[in-house]
Each structure stands twice: as C-alpha cells, then as structure tokens.
N, C-alpha and C. Protein backbone atom coordinates (compact mmCIF):
# COMPACT_ATOMS: atom_id res chain seq x y z
N MET A 1 -12.07 31.11 15.07
CA MET A 1 -11.57 29.88 15.78
C MET A 1 -10.21 30.15 16.57
N ARG A 2 -10.24 29.33 17.29
CA ARG A 2 -8.92 29.43 18.13
C ARG A 2 -7.84 28.53 17.66
N PRO A 3 -6.86 29.29 18.04
CA PRO A 3 -5.70 28.05 17.67
C PRO A 3 -5.58 26.93 18.21
N THR A 4 -5.80 26.83 19.14
CA THR A 4 -6.16 24.91 19.86
C THR A 4 -6.84 24.40 19.17
N LEU A 5 -8.02 24.66 18.53
CA LEU A 5 -8.50 24.51 18.07
C LEU A 5 -8.60 23.72 16.89
N LEU A 6 -7.82 24.81 15.82
CA LEU A 6 -7.14 24.69 14.71
C LEU A 6 -6.29 23.99 14.77
N LEU A 7 -5.13 23.63 15.47
CA LEU A 7 -4.01 22.44 15.60
C LEU A 7 -4.70 21.29 15.66
N ASN A 8 -5.58 20.83 16.59
CA ASN A 8 -6.32 19.96 16.93
C ASN A 8 -7.32 19.19 15.34
N ASN A 9 -8.01 20.21 14.72
CA ASN A 9 -8.38 19.74 13.36
C ASN A 9 -7.14 19.41 12.41
N LEU A 10 -6.47 20.14 12.41
CA LEU A 10 -5.06 19.83 11.68
C LEU A 10 -4.39 18.28 11.99
N GLN A 11 -4.10 17.92 13.22
CA GLN A 11 -3.59 16.96 13.98
C GLN A 11 -4.52 15.82 13.36
N THR A 12 -5.94 15.95 14.00
CA THR A 12 -6.58 14.90 13.38
C THR A 12 -6.93 14.87 12.12
N CYS A 13 -6.55 15.36 10.89
CA CYS A 13 -7.04 15.58 9.44
C CYS A 13 -5.40 14.56 9.30
N PHE A 14 -4.11 15.27 9.45
CA PHE A 14 -2.85 14.40 9.48
C PHE A 14 -2.71 13.11 9.89
N LYS A 15 -3.80 12.22 10.85
CA LYS A 15 -3.47 11.20 11.35
C LYS A 15 -4.66 10.51 10.59
N ILE A 16 -5.90 10.75 10.25
CA ILE A 16 -6.90 10.01 9.30
C ILE A 16 -5.99 9.87 7.51
N ASN A 17 -5.48 10.98 7.34
CA ASN A 17 -4.34 10.79 6.23
C ASN A 17 -3.53 10.17 6.10
N SER A 18 -2.88 9.77 7.29
CA SER A 18 -1.75 9.00 7.29
C SER A 18 -2.32 7.45 7.67
N MET A 19 -3.29 7.47 8.26
CA MET A 19 -3.92 6.19 8.31
C MET A 19 -4.58 5.05 7.05
N PHE A 20 -5.35 6.70 6.03
CA PHE A 20 -5.67 6.11 4.69
C PHE A 20 -4.68 5.76 3.81
N ARG A 21 -3.28 6.36 4.02
CA ARG A 21 -1.97 5.72 3.09
C ARG A 21 -1.43 4.65 3.62
N LEU A 22 -1.91 4.52 5.20
CA LEU A 22 -1.40 2.93 5.59
C LEU A 22 -2.30 1.67 5.11
N LEU A 23 -3.83 2.27 5.10
CA LEU A 23 -5.00 1.03 4.69
C LEU A 23 -4.18 1.29 3.15
N LEU A 24 -4.33 2.29 1.94
CA LEU A 24 -4.09 1.87 0.92
C LEU A 24 -2.87 1.19 0.51
N THR A 25 -1.54 1.60 1.06
CA THR A 25 -0.93 0.50 1.24
C THR A 25 -1.17 -0.82 1.52
N VAL A 26 -1.15 -1.02 2.23
CA VAL A 26 -1.66 -2.55 2.72
C VAL A 26 -2.49 -3.47 1.91
N PHE A 27 -3.46 -2.47 1.08
CA PHE A 27 -4.48 -2.75 -0.07
C PHE A 27 -3.77 -3.34 -1.00
N LEU A 28 -2.93 -2.46 -1.73
CA LEU A 28 -1.98 -2.41 -2.82
C LEU A 28 -0.93 -3.80 -2.78
N LEU A 29 -0.54 -3.82 -1.39
CA LEU A 29 0.44 -5.08 -1.25
C LEU A 29 0.22 -6.24 -0.95
N GLN A 30 -1.70 -6.24 -0.65
CA GLN A 30 -1.98 -7.36 -0.26
C GLN A 30 -2.84 -8.05 -1.95
N PHE A 31 -3.15 -7.33 -2.67
CA PHE A 31 -4.00 -7.54 -3.82
C PHE A 31 -3.01 -7.10 -5.29
N CYS A 32 -2.26 -6.64 -4.99
CA CYS A 32 -1.73 -6.52 -6.08
C CYS A 32 -0.17 -6.97 -6.27
N ALA A 33 0.09 -6.87 -5.01
CA ALA A 33 1.66 -7.84 -5.47
C ALA A 33 1.50 -8.96 -5.83
N PRO A 34 0.52 -9.82 -5.43
CA PRO A 34 0.77 -11.32 -6.06
C PRO A 34 0.45 -11.62 -7.69
N VAL A 35 0.14 -10.53 -8.26
CA VAL A 35 -0.51 -10.53 -9.50
C VAL A 35 1.20 -10.05 -10.31
N PHE A 36 1.74 -9.33 -9.42
CA PHE A 36 3.49 -9.38 -10.34
C PHE A 36 4.39 -10.39 -9.93
N ALA A 37 4.00 -10.98 -8.34
CA ALA A 37 4.67 -12.10 -8.01
C ALA A 37 4.19 -13.07 -9.53
N ASP A 38 3.12 -13.34 -9.55
CA ASP A 38 2.53 -14.66 -10.50
C ASP A 38 3.27 -14.57 -11.88
N ASP A 39 3.09 -13.50 -12.09
CA ASP A 39 3.59 -12.94 -13.60
C ASP A 39 5.08 -13.34 -13.36
N ALA A 40 5.87 -13.15 -12.13
CA ALA A 40 7.62 -12.96 -12.23
C ALA A 40 7.56 -14.84 -12.15
N ASN A 41 6.82 -15.19 -11.45
CA ASN A 41 6.82 -16.78 -11.81
C ASN A 41 6.53 -17.46 -13.12
N ASP A 42 5.42 -17.03 -13.44
CA ASP A 42 5.17 -17.38 -15.16
C ASP A 42 6.25 -17.45 -16.01
N ALA A 43 6.89 -16.16 -15.61
CA ALA A 43 8.04 -15.90 -17.00
C ALA A 43 8.87 -16.79 -16.34
N ARG A 44 9.34 -17.45 -15.09
CA ARG A 44 10.57 -18.28 -14.69
C ARG A 44 10.00 -19.16 -15.39
N ALA A 45 8.52 -19.68 -14.95
CA ALA A 45 8.47 -21.12 -15.37
C ALA A 45 8.63 -21.11 -16.84
N PHE A 46 7.93 -20.41 -17.83
CA PHE A 46 8.34 -20.14 -19.18
C PHE A 46 9.90 -20.15 -19.38
N PHE A 47 10.70 -19.80 -18.80
CA PHE A 47 11.69 -19.92 -19.08
C PHE A 47 12.39 -21.17 -18.91
N GLU A 48 11.93 -21.66 -18.01
CA GLU A 48 12.82 -23.35 -17.33
C GLU A 48 11.80 -24.07 -18.54
N LYS A 49 10.67 -24.09 -19.13
CA LYS A 49 10.43 -25.00 -20.46
C LYS A 49 11.27 -24.63 -21.11
N TYR A 50 11.48 -23.44 -21.78
CA TYR A 50 12.49 -23.06 -22.84
C TYR A 50 13.34 -23.84 -22.88
N VAL A 51 14.35 -23.81 -21.92
CA VAL A 51 15.25 -24.19 -21.27
C VAL A 51 15.42 -25.90 -21.94
N ALA A 52 14.57 -26.35 -21.13
CA ALA A 52 14.10 -28.15 -21.52
C ALA A 52 13.75 -28.19 -22.75
N ALA A 53 13.22 -27.43 -23.75
CA ALA A 53 12.79 -27.22 -24.98
C ALA A 53 14.75 -27.05 -25.73
N ALA A 54 15.10 -26.41 -25.59
CA ALA A 54 16.39 -25.97 -26.31
C ALA A 54 17.45 -27.41 -25.75
N ASN A 55 17.14 -27.90 -24.37
CA ASN A 55 18.09 -29.40 -24.29
C ASN A 55 17.71 -30.27 -24.80
N SER A 56 16.52 -30.56 -25.07
CA SER A 56 16.33 -31.83 -26.28
C SER A 56 16.23 -31.30 -27.78
N TYR A 57 16.56 -30.18 -28.30
CA TYR A 57 16.50 -29.94 -29.29
C TYR A 57 15.53 -29.86 -30.07
N ALA A 58 14.26 -29.38 -29.46
CA ALA A 58 13.02 -29.00 -29.96
C ALA A 58 12.85 -28.39 -31.09
N ALA A 59 12.02 -28.85 -32.27
CA ALA A 59 11.84 -28.39 -33.59
C ALA A 59 11.23 -27.42 -33.48
N ASP A 60 10.02 -26.99 -32.46
CA ASP A 60 9.41 -25.93 -32.31
C ASP A 60 10.50 -24.67 -31.65
N LEU A 61 11.69 -25.03 -31.31
CA LEU A 61 12.62 -23.62 -30.57
C LEU A 61 11.87 -21.98 -30.96
N PRO A 62 12.26 -22.04 -32.03
CA PRO A 62 12.32 -20.58 -32.85
C PRO A 62 10.54 -19.91 -32.17
N GLY A 63 9.96 -21.25 -31.89
CA GLY A 63 8.65 -20.46 -31.71
C GLY A 63 8.46 -20.01 -30.45
N TYR A 64 9.98 -20.25 -29.18
CA TYR A 64 9.46 -19.51 -28.13
C TYR A 64 9.63 -17.84 -28.25
N TYR A 65 10.29 -17.51 -29.03
CA TYR A 65 10.59 -16.31 -29.59
C TYR A 65 9.30 -15.52 -30.35
N ILE A 66 9.67 -13.76 -29.80
CA ILE A 66 8.80 -13.01 -30.94
C ILE A 66 9.38 -13.22 -32.06
N SER A 67 8.72 -12.61 -33.66
CA SER A 67 9.59 -12.83 -34.63
C SER A 67 10.59 -12.13 -34.61
N ASN A 68 10.41 -10.91 -34.15
CA ASN A 68 11.92 -9.73 -34.29
C ASN A 68 12.50 -9.76 -33.21
N ALA A 69 12.80 -11.07 -32.57
CA ALA A 69 13.68 -10.65 -31.11
C ALA A 69 15.08 -10.55 -31.48
N LYS A 70 15.33 -9.66 -30.82
CA LYS A 70 16.89 -9.41 -30.36
C LYS A 70 18.05 -10.34 -29.84
N ILE A 71 19.04 -10.76 -30.79
CA ILE A 71 19.67 -11.72 -30.65
C ILE A 71 21.31 -11.34 -30.34
N ILE A 72 21.94 -11.33 -28.76
CA ILE A 72 22.85 -10.99 -28.93
C ILE A 72 23.98 -11.81 -28.24
N ARG A 73 25.04 -11.54 -29.55
CA ARG A 73 26.23 -12.63 -28.50
C ARG A 73 27.28 -11.76 -27.96
N VAL A 74 28.23 -12.11 -27.52
CA VAL A 74 29.38 -11.37 -27.03
C VAL A 74 30.58 -12.37 -27.32
N VAL A 75 31.27 -12.34 -28.19
CA VAL A 75 32.28 -13.47 -28.32
C VAL A 75 33.59 -13.06 -27.40
N GLU A 76 33.63 -13.76 -26.60
CA GLU A 76 35.18 -13.54 -25.67
C GLU A 76 36.32 -14.34 -26.65
N LYS A 77 37.18 -13.58 -27.00
CA LYS A 77 38.02 -14.00 -27.74
C LYS A 77 39.09 -14.74 -26.77
N PRO A 78 40.51 -15.02 -27.36
CA PRO A 78 41.77 -16.08 -26.70
C PRO A 78 42.37 -14.68 -26.29
N ASP A 79 42.69 -13.15 -27.21
CA ASP A 79 43.32 -12.12 -26.40
C ASP A 79 43.05 -11.84 -25.79
N GLY A 80 41.52 -11.84 -25.27
CA GLY A 80 40.88 -10.53 -23.93
C GLY A 80 39.85 -9.99 -24.67
N SER A 81 40.29 -9.91 -26.10
CA SER A 81 39.20 -9.03 -26.34
C SER A 81 37.60 -9.36 -26.69
N LYS A 82 36.66 -9.09 -26.72
CA LYS A 82 35.33 -8.91 -26.70
C LYS A 82 34.80 -8.55 -28.48
N GLU A 83 33.69 -9.39 -29.08
CA GLU A 83 32.97 -8.43 -30.02
C GLU A 83 31.66 -8.83 -29.73
N THR A 84 30.77 -7.79 -30.26
CA THR A 84 29.22 -8.12 -30.00
C THR A 84 28.62 -8.00 -30.89
N ILE A 85 28.26 -9.29 -31.62
CA ILE A 85 27.49 -9.70 -32.65
C ILE A 85 25.56 -9.56 -32.40
N VAL A 86 24.92 -9.02 -33.17
CA VAL A 86 23.54 -8.56 -33.00
C VAL A 86 22.95 -9.66 -34.33
N PHE A 87 22.49 -10.56 -34.16
CA PHE A 87 21.92 -11.80 -35.18
C PHE A 87 20.95 -11.07 -35.50
N PRO A 88 20.03 -11.28 -36.76
CA PRO A 88 18.89 -10.71 -36.88
C PRO A 88 18.02 -12.43 -36.91
N ALA A 89 16.84 -11.75 -36.41
CA ALA A 89 16.13 -12.94 -35.62
C ALA A 89 16.20 -14.41 -36.66
N GLU A 90 15.25 -14.05 -37.85
CA GLU A 90 14.93 -14.61 -39.27
C GLU A 90 16.43 -15.49 -39.13
N ARG A 91 17.72 -15.20 -39.43
CA ARG A 91 18.92 -15.90 -39.60
C ARG A 91 19.48 -16.73 -38.39
N TYR A 92 18.86 -16.40 -37.02
CA TYR A 92 19.16 -16.71 -36.18
C TYR A 92 18.29 -18.30 -35.86
N PHE A 93 16.81 -18.28 -36.06
CA PHE A 93 15.81 -19.14 -36.14
C PHE A 93 16.28 -20.12 -37.24
N LYS A 94 17.10 -19.80 -38.35
CA LYS A 94 17.02 -20.51 -39.20
C LYS A 94 18.48 -21.87 -39.10
N GLN A 95 19.30 -20.58 -38.56
CA GLN A 95 20.24 -21.51 -38.00
C GLN A 95 20.25 -22.40 -37.20
N LEU A 96 19.30 -22.12 -35.91
CA LEU A 96 18.64 -23.00 -34.97
C LEU A 96 18.33 -24.37 -35.42
N ARG A 97 17.26 -24.14 -36.57
CA ARG A 97 17.18 -25.09 -37.38
C ARG A 97 18.11 -26.38 -37.86
N MET A 98 18.73 -25.35 -38.72
CA MET A 98 19.88 -26.26 -39.65
C MET A 98 20.98 -26.87 -38.40
N MET A 99 21.34 -26.43 -37.51
CA MET A 99 22.18 -27.04 -36.53
C MET A 99 21.65 -27.89 -35.64
N ARG A 100 20.74 -27.87 -35.54
CA ARG A 100 19.80 -29.13 -34.23
C ARG A 100 20.54 -29.89 -34.16
N ASN A 101 20.57 -30.70 -35.41
CA ASN A 101 20.83 -32.29 -35.03
C ASN A 101 22.32 -32.23 -34.93
N ALA A 102 23.40 -31.32 -35.45
CA ALA A 102 24.41 -31.50 -35.27
C ALA A 102 24.84 -31.41 -33.15
N ALA A 103 24.18 -29.99 -32.92
CA ALA A 103 23.79 -30.21 -31.46
C ALA A 103 23.94 -31.14 -30.88
N ARG A 104 22.57 -32.21 -31.12
CA ARG A 104 22.50 -33.02 -30.47
C ARG A 104 23.30 -34.17 -30.73
N LEU A 105 24.34 -34.35 -31.91
CA LEU A 105 25.05 -35.12 -31.65
C LEU A 105 26.07 -34.91 -30.95
N LYS A 106 26.13 -33.76 -30.71
CA LYS A 106 27.69 -33.30 -29.83
C LYS A 106 27.40 -33.01 -28.43
N GLY A 107 26.02 -32.97 -28.35
CA GLY A 107 25.59 -33.20 -26.49
C GLY A 107 25.76 -32.01 -26.22
N TYR A 108 24.90 -30.99 -26.88
CA TYR A 108 25.28 -29.42 -26.41
C TYR A 108 23.79 -29.25 -25.64
N LYS A 109 23.93 -28.83 -24.63
CA LYS A 109 23.05 -28.71 -23.63
C LYS A 109 24.04 -27.31 -22.61
N ASN A 110 22.70 -26.66 -22.57
CA ASN A 110 23.03 -25.71 -21.68
C ASN A 110 22.46 -25.45 -20.06
N THR A 111 23.47 -25.27 -18.86
CA THR A 111 22.62 -25.09 -17.61
C THR A 111 22.54 -24.10 -17.22
N TYR A 112 21.57 -23.33 -16.60
CA TYR A 112 21.97 -21.73 -15.79
C TYR A 112 21.39 -21.44 -14.81
N THR A 113 22.69 -21.10 -13.65
CA THR A 113 22.37 -21.37 -12.63
C THR A 113 22.72 -19.82 -11.86
N ASN A 114 22.18 -19.63 -10.53
CA ASN A 114 22.24 -18.11 -10.15
C ASN A 114 21.05 -17.43 -10.93
N GLN A 115 20.14 -17.68 -11.24
CA GLN A 115 18.99 -16.79 -11.86
C GLN A 115 18.28 -15.90 -10.53
N THR A 116 17.84 -14.88 -11.31
CA THR A 116 17.32 -14.01 -11.16
C THR A 116 16.42 -13.20 -11.98
N VAL A 117 14.94 -13.13 -11.40
CA VAL A 117 13.57 -12.65 -11.96
C VAL A 117 13.91 -10.94 -11.82
N THR A 118 14.05 -9.55 -12.78
CA THR A 118 13.68 -8.74 -12.14
C THR A 118 12.85 -8.03 -13.40
N PRO A 119 11.53 -7.50 -13.02
CA PRO A 119 10.94 -6.76 -13.67
C PRO A 119 11.67 -5.45 -14.61
N GLU A 120 11.06 -5.36 -16.00
CA GLU A 120 11.99 -4.91 -16.92
C GLU A 120 10.76 -3.96 -17.69
N GLY A 121 9.77 -3.15 -17.17
CA GLY A 121 8.90 -2.09 -17.52
C GLY A 121 7.77 -3.46 -17.62
N SER A 122 6.73 -3.90 -18.67
CA SER A 122 6.42 -4.74 -18.86
C SER A 122 6.65 -6.56 -18.77
N ASP A 123 7.96 -6.29 -18.96
CA ASP A 123 8.40 -7.66 -19.05
C ASP A 123 9.12 -7.99 -17.92
N TYR A 124 10.27 -9.29 -18.23
CA TYR A 124 10.64 -9.50 -17.23
C TYR A 124 12.27 -10.06 -17.40
N LYS A 125 13.19 -9.87 -16.80
CA LYS A 125 14.55 -9.97 -17.37
C LYS A 125 15.17 -11.02 -16.46
N ILE A 126 15.36 -12.04 -17.16
CA ILE A 126 16.03 -13.17 -16.40
C ILE A 126 17.38 -13.38 -16.51
N SER A 127 18.09 -13.16 -15.51
CA SER A 127 19.56 -13.28 -15.39
C SER A 127 20.42 -14.51 -14.94
N ALA A 128 21.32 -15.23 -15.46
CA ALA A 128 22.27 -16.27 -15.33
C ALA A 128 23.35 -16.24 -15.45
N THR A 129 23.67 -17.62 -14.80
CA THR A 129 24.80 -17.52 -15.52
C THR A 129 25.04 -18.89 -15.98
N ARG A 130 25.40 -19.11 -17.30
CA ARG A 130 25.32 -20.17 -18.59
C ARG A 130 26.69 -21.12 -18.36
N THR A 131 26.23 -22.38 -18.67
CA THR A 131 27.10 -23.28 -18.70
C THR A 131 26.91 -24.48 -19.38
N THR A 132 27.82 -24.49 -20.63
CA THR A 132 27.72 -25.48 -21.66
C THR A 132 27.95 -26.68 -21.35
N LYS A 133 27.95 -27.87 -21.34
CA LYS A 133 28.29 -29.24 -20.68
C LYS A 133 29.23 -29.63 -21.46
N GLY A 134 30.13 -29.87 -20.68
CA GLY A 134 31.27 -30.20 -21.33
C GLY A 134 32.33 -28.89 -21.13
N ASP A 135 32.27 -27.57 -20.81
CA ASP A 135 32.68 -26.79 -20.90
C ASP A 135 33.61 -26.50 -19.35
N ASN A 136 34.38 -26.30 -18.88
CA ASN A 136 34.82 -26.06 -17.86
C ASN A 136 34.94 -24.45 -17.01
N PHE A 137 34.19 -23.47 -18.29
CA PHE A 137 33.63 -22.02 -17.55
C PHE A 137 32.26 -21.60 -17.98
N SER A 138 32.23 -20.75 -17.18
CA SER A 138 30.57 -20.22 -17.36
C SER A 138 30.50 -18.52 -17.62
N VAL A 139 29.36 -18.38 -18.15
CA VAL A 139 29.49 -17.39 -19.09
C VAL A 139 27.96 -16.35 -18.59
N PRO A 140 28.01 -14.58 -18.35
CA PRO A 140 26.71 -14.39 -18.27
C PRO A 140 25.58 -14.38 -19.28
N SER A 141 24.19 -14.42 -19.06
CA SER A 141 23.67 -14.64 -20.13
C SER A 141 22.37 -13.62 -19.22
N TYR A 142 21.21 -13.49 -19.95
CA TYR A 142 20.21 -12.57 -19.97
C TYR A 142 19.08 -12.94 -21.09
N PHE A 143 17.56 -12.88 -21.02
CA PHE A 143 16.84 -13.19 -21.40
C PHE A 143 15.50 -12.00 -20.66
N ILE A 144 15.14 -11.04 -22.11
CA ILE A 144 13.80 -10.57 -21.78
C ILE A 144 12.77 -11.20 -22.10
N ILE A 145 12.05 -11.52 -21.51
CA ILE A 145 10.92 -12.55 -21.48
C ILE A 145 9.37 -11.53 -21.25
N GLY A 146 8.28 -11.35 -22.12
CA GLY A 146 7.34 -10.40 -22.05
C GLY A 146 6.04 -11.53 -22.64
N LYS A 147 4.70 -10.61 -22.86
CA LYS A 147 3.75 -11.56 -23.32
C LYS A 147 3.63 -11.37 -24.77
N ASP A 148 3.34 -11.67 -25.41
CA ASP A 148 3.29 -11.13 -27.19
C ASP A 148 1.74 -10.59 -27.02
N SER A 149 1.17 -10.06 -28.34
CA SER A 149 -0.03 -9.38 -28.08
C SER A 149 -1.51 -10.18 -28.04
N GLY A 150 -0.79 -11.68 -28.05
CA GLY A 150 -1.83 -12.78 -27.60
C GLY A 150 -1.96 -12.85 -26.31
N GLY A 151 -0.97 -12.96 -25.55
CA GLY A 151 -0.88 -13.33 -23.93
C GLY A 151 -0.02 -14.25 -23.51
N ALA A 152 0.71 -14.87 -25.52
CA ALA A 152 1.53 -15.64 -24.75
C ALA A 152 3.30 -15.31 -24.16
N TRP A 153 3.66 -15.86 -23.58
CA TRP A 153 4.90 -15.94 -23.17
C TRP A 153 6.31 -15.70 -24.39
N LYS A 154 7.08 -14.81 -24.59
CA LYS A 154 7.99 -14.78 -25.61
C LYS A 154 9.56 -14.88 -25.06
N ILE A 155 10.12 -15.11 -25.54
CA ILE A 155 11.70 -14.11 -25.45
C ILE A 155 11.79 -13.08 -26.49
N LYS A 156 12.01 -12.27 -25.83
CA LYS A 156 12.22 -10.89 -26.53
C LYS A 156 13.69 -10.52 -26.72
N THR A 157 14.58 -10.57 -26.07
CA THR A 157 15.49 -10.45 -26.08
C THR A 157 16.63 -11.69 -25.60
N GLU A 158 17.98 -12.33 -26.12
CA GLU A 158 18.66 -13.12 -26.08
C GLU A 158 19.75 -12.73 -25.55
N TYR A 159 20.55 -12.61 -24.46
CA TYR A 159 21.79 -11.82 -24.72
C TYR A 159 23.06 -13.11 -23.91
N MET A 160 23.71 -13.30 -24.28
CA MET A 160 24.87 -14.41 -23.76
C MET A 160 26.43 -13.81 -24.46
N HIS A 161 27.57 -13.97 -23.49
CA HIS A 161 28.61 -14.54 -23.29
C HIS A 161 28.80 -15.53 -23.79
N THR A 162 29.94 -15.96 -24.93
CA THR A 162 30.84 -17.26 -25.15
C THR A 162 31.95 -16.99 -25.30
N ARG A 163 32.47 -17.81 -25.17
CA ARG A 163 33.92 -18.08 -25.79
C ARG A 163 33.90 -18.89 -27.20
N ASN A 164 32.89 -19.55 -27.45
CA ASN A 164 32.90 -20.68 -28.41
C ASN A 164 32.31 -20.48 -29.77
N GLN A 165 31.81 -19.91 -30.49
CA GLN A 165 31.47 -19.39 -31.62
C GLN A 165 30.83 -20.16 -32.73
N SER A 166 30.79 -21.57 -32.36
CA SER A 166 30.69 -22.74 -33.47
C SER A 166 29.35 -22.96 -34.07
N PHE A 167 27.90 -22.39 -33.08
CA PHE A 167 26.93 -22.86 -33.88
C PHE A 167 26.24 -22.00 -34.49
N LEU A 168 26.45 -20.51 -34.14
CA LEU A 168 26.26 -19.75 -35.22
C LEU A 168 27.20 -19.09 -35.71
N LYS A 169 26.95 -18.53 -37.19
CA LYS A 169 27.66 -17.42 -37.90
C LYS A 169 26.78 -16.41 -38.00
N HIS A 170 27.90 -15.53 -38.21
CA HIS A 170 27.81 -13.88 -37.85
C HIS A 170 27.14 -13.39 -39.77
N LYS A 171 27.97 -14.66 -40.51
CA LYS A 171 27.59 -14.10 -41.77
C LYS A 171 27.25 -15.66 -42.62
N ASP A 172 25.99 -15.28 -43.65
CA ASP A 172 25.92 -16.38 -43.99
C ASP A 172 26.61 -16.81 -44.96
C-alpha cells in the first residue's frame, strides 16, 4: 500500500470517528440531559413542598425524611466558636412533633434564598441561605434529597447553621 493511500485512509477513518463522537454527544445531550434536568426540577419542587409544609407546621413533616436521615446543626455561639451537633433522626422527629405547636405560636418560619441544585451522586444537593422570620441574619444550609427505595423523594441529610438552638435539644 502506498503511503499516501494509507494516510488518506487514516484521515477518512479519523473524520468518521470524530463525526461519530459528535453525533453521540449530540444524541446524549438531546435525550439524556432532559432526564437529569427533570430530576433536578423534581428535587427542587419537592424541596419547595417541604418548606411549605414546615412553615405551616404540618403534622406529617417527619414523612419528608428517610427514617435514618442525617440531621446536622452547626451552632454559632456568641463568642464566635462553633459546635457541630448531629441529631439521631428518631430524636429529631420526636422533637419536631413536640415543638410544632410552640413554633406555630412563635410564628417560626424559614425562607431559603440563593438556592442552587447540584447533583450529588444519584441524589441532589440543594444549598441555600436560610433566614428565620424575625431574625436579622442569614445562615448557610443544605439538604441532600433523593429517591427512596419506592421512588419517592425524601430528605436524606439536613445541614444548617444556627445562632439560636431553641427548638432542638441535643440531649433528652
């Protein structure tokens, strides 16, 4: 085989290979990306539903979490130090039920601004700035949201900074 013929064959093969990669990329973006976008939108919609339920003191609020959810609070103390507390999920759910009426009487509500949704493995991380009604400060928070074994959206991790740890007690 002459060198020029071999070179022409390699160039043709490379062009076909490049075209195949381009078409495959376009195909994947066209048909697979919307699936991921839909899941991200579904995770955000679930989060908004959770926030509405929390701010209306819904009795079924623990149902928004998986049974072994990881609940993390970073308490920012007046002296500037921070204490990270991990609550057992069952204790957290018990305290949610016990403090529901007190929260309602106080008018305790949270707003979440600057929301971002990012993939976290097969789950989604929703990061936001949390502000509690009546407070003049905002703190970071994030939620890991994913589907449980039955396909329902659930909160798997809840992480928040707080300056006032009044509703949750880390000791019974």
